[in-house]
């Protein structure tokens, strides 16, 4: 619940070398974040972006340690595109991932220039 309901929060930058391991339950729920880069050490997303209606792009690092994404992590994020590295095998916990668009590009230039 770190930033849940911070209605004015539009931008969060987590360094690519961050030691952050988990994006917890509703960490950024109900915020106005537009885009988000998930650093390589993050291994799970637990409903972190629930109802972020302004969210458009979420990019998982190319060398990611991501293992789990909880199904409702992007619920009610109607226009989000989740960029997932091709080689990454992620287990969705608790049913099917609720996300309008999952993109698995062969090679993508980071939108965050990190």
Protein backbone atom coordinates (compact mmCIF):
# COMPACT_ATOMS: atom_id res chain seq x y z
CA UNK A 1 0.00 0.00 0.00
CA UNK A 2 3.06 2.27 -0.29
CA UNK A 3 1.58 4.90 -2.63
CA UNK A 4 -2.03 3.71 -2.84
CA UNK A 5 -4.46 6.58 -3.45
CA UNK A 6 -1.71 9.16 -4.05
CA UNK A 7 -3.91 10.84 -6.65
CA UNK A 8 -1.24 13.31 -7.76
CA UNK A 9 1.48 10.70 -8.28
CA UNK A 10 2.30 10.66 -12.00
CA UNK A 11 5.90 9.50 -12.19
CA UNK A 12 8.06 6.99 -10.32
CA UNK A 13 11.64 6.26 -11.27
CA UNK A 14 13.30 3.23 -9.74
CA UNK A 15 16.97 2.89 -10.75
CA UNK A 16 17.77 -0.12 -12.93
CA UNK A 17 20.30 -1.28 -10.29
CA UNK A 18 17.74 -1.10 -7.47
CA UNK A 19 17.61 -3.97 -4.96
CA UNK A 20 13.79 -3.83 -4.85
CA UNK A 21 12.46 -7.42 -4.94
CA UNK A 22 8.68 -7.08 -4.94
CA UNK A 23 5.98 -4.64 -5.99
CA UNK A 24 3.52 -5.33 -3.19
CA UNK A 25 -0.24 -5.34 -2.96
CA UNK A 26 -1.70 -2.12 -4.36
CA UNK A 27 1.66 -0.32 -4.14
CA UNK A 28 0.59 2.15 -6.81
CA UNK A 29 -3.18 1.52 -6.92
CA UNK A 30 -5.39 4.46 -7.88
CA UNK A 31 -2.48 6.71 -8.87
CA UNK A 32 -2.06 8.70 -12.09
CA UNK A 33 1.17 6.96 -13.15
CA UNK A 34 1.50 6.89 -16.94
CA UNK A 35 4.51 4.60 -17.41
CA UNK A 36 6.67 2.36 -15.24
CA UNK A 37 9.97 0.53 -15.69
CA UNK A 38 10.37 -2.63 -13.58
CA UNK A 39 14.04 -3.16 -12.70
CA UNK A 40 15.67 -6.57 -13.08
CA UNK A 41 15.73 -7.52 -9.37
CA UNK A 42 11.96 -7.37 -9.00
CA UNK A 43 10.71 -10.97 -8.95
CA UNK A 44 6.98 -10.49 -8.33
CA UNK A 45 4.13 -8.05 -8.87
CA UNK A 46 1.25 -8.43 -6.44
CA UNK A 47 -1.71 -6.39 -7.73
CA UNK A 48 0.53 -3.32 -7.61
CA UNK A 49 -1.14 -1.25 -10.34
CA UNK A 50 -4.78 -2.00 -9.59
CA UNK A 51 -7.06 0.64 -11.18
CA UNK A 52 -4.31 2.91 -12.53
CA UNK A 53 -6.48 4.19 -15.33
CA UNK A 54 -3.79 6.50 -16.76
CA UNK A 55 -1.16 3.74 -16.99
CA UNK A 56 -0.09 3.16 -20.61
CA UNK A 57 3.30 1.41 -20.58
CA UNK A 58 4.92 -1.04 -18.17
CA UNK A 59 8.27 -2.41 -19.24
CA UNK A 60 9.98 -5.35 -17.57
CA UNK A 61 13.79 -5.22 -17.74
CA UNK A 62 15.43 -7.39 -20.40
CA UNK A 63 17.53 -9.23 -17.78
CA UNK A 64 14.63 -9.54 -15.36
CA UNK A 65 14.31 -11.99 -12.47
CA UNK A 66 10.51 -11.77 -12.67
CA UNK A 67 8.83 -15.02 -11.63
CA UNK A 68 5.25 -14.16 -10.64
CA UNK A 69 2.59 -11.66 -11.60
CA UNK A 70 -0.66 -11.79 -9.69
CA UNK A 71 -3.66 -11.83 -12.00
CA UNK A 72 -5.20 -8.53 -10.90
CA UNK A 73 -1.96 -6.54 -11.00
CA UNK A 74 -3.26 -4.51 -13.95
CA UNK A 75 -7.00 -4.85 -13.41
CA UNK A 76 -8.89 -1.75 -14.57
CA UNK A 77 -5.78 -0.43 -16.37
CA UNK A 78 -7.72 -0.33 -19.60
CA UNK A 79 -5.00 0.97 -21.95
CA UNK A 80 -1.80 -0.48 -20.53
CA UNK A 81 0.72 -2.33 -22.66
CA UNK A 82 2.94 -4.69 -20.69
CA UNK A 83 6.32 -5.20 -22.40
CA UNK A 84 7.71 -8.61 -21.40
CA UNK A 85 11.08 -9.89 -22.66
CA UNK A 86 10.66 -12.89 -24.99
CA UNK A 87 12.91 -15.19 -23.00
CA UNK A 88 11.09 -14.56 -19.73
CA UNK A 89 8.76 -17.26 -18.38
CA UNK A 90 6.37 -15.71 -15.88
CA UNK A 91 3.83 -17.58 -13.80
CA UNK A 92 0.48 -15.81 -13.42
CA UNK A 93 -0.95 -16.42 -9.96
CA UNK A 94 -4.71 -16.75 -9.30
CA UNK A 95 -6.14 -17.20 -12.84
CA UNK A 96 -5.60 -15.33 -16.09
CA UNK A 97 -3.73 -12.03 -16.19
CA UNK A 98 -6.17 -9.15 -16.51
CA UNK A 99 -4.27 -6.87 -18.87
CA UNK A 100 -5.44 -5.40 -22.17
CA UNK A 101 -2.18 -5.93 -24.03
CA UNK A 102 0.91 -8.04 -23.39
CA UNK A 103 3.70 -7.38 -25.88
CA UNK A 104 6.62 -9.78 -26.27
CA UNK A 105 8.99 -7.98 -28.63
CA UNK A 106 12.06 -9.82 -29.85
CA UNK A 107 14.21 -6.86 -28.95
CA UNK A 108 12.88 -3.56 -27.75
CA UNK A 109 14.70 -0.33 -27.20
CA UNK A 110 13.75 0.77 -23.72
CA UNK A 111 11.22 3.55 -23.64
CA UNK A 112 12.93 4.72 -20.48
CA UNK A 113 16.48 5.05 -21.86
CA UNK A 114 18.00 3.27 -18.85
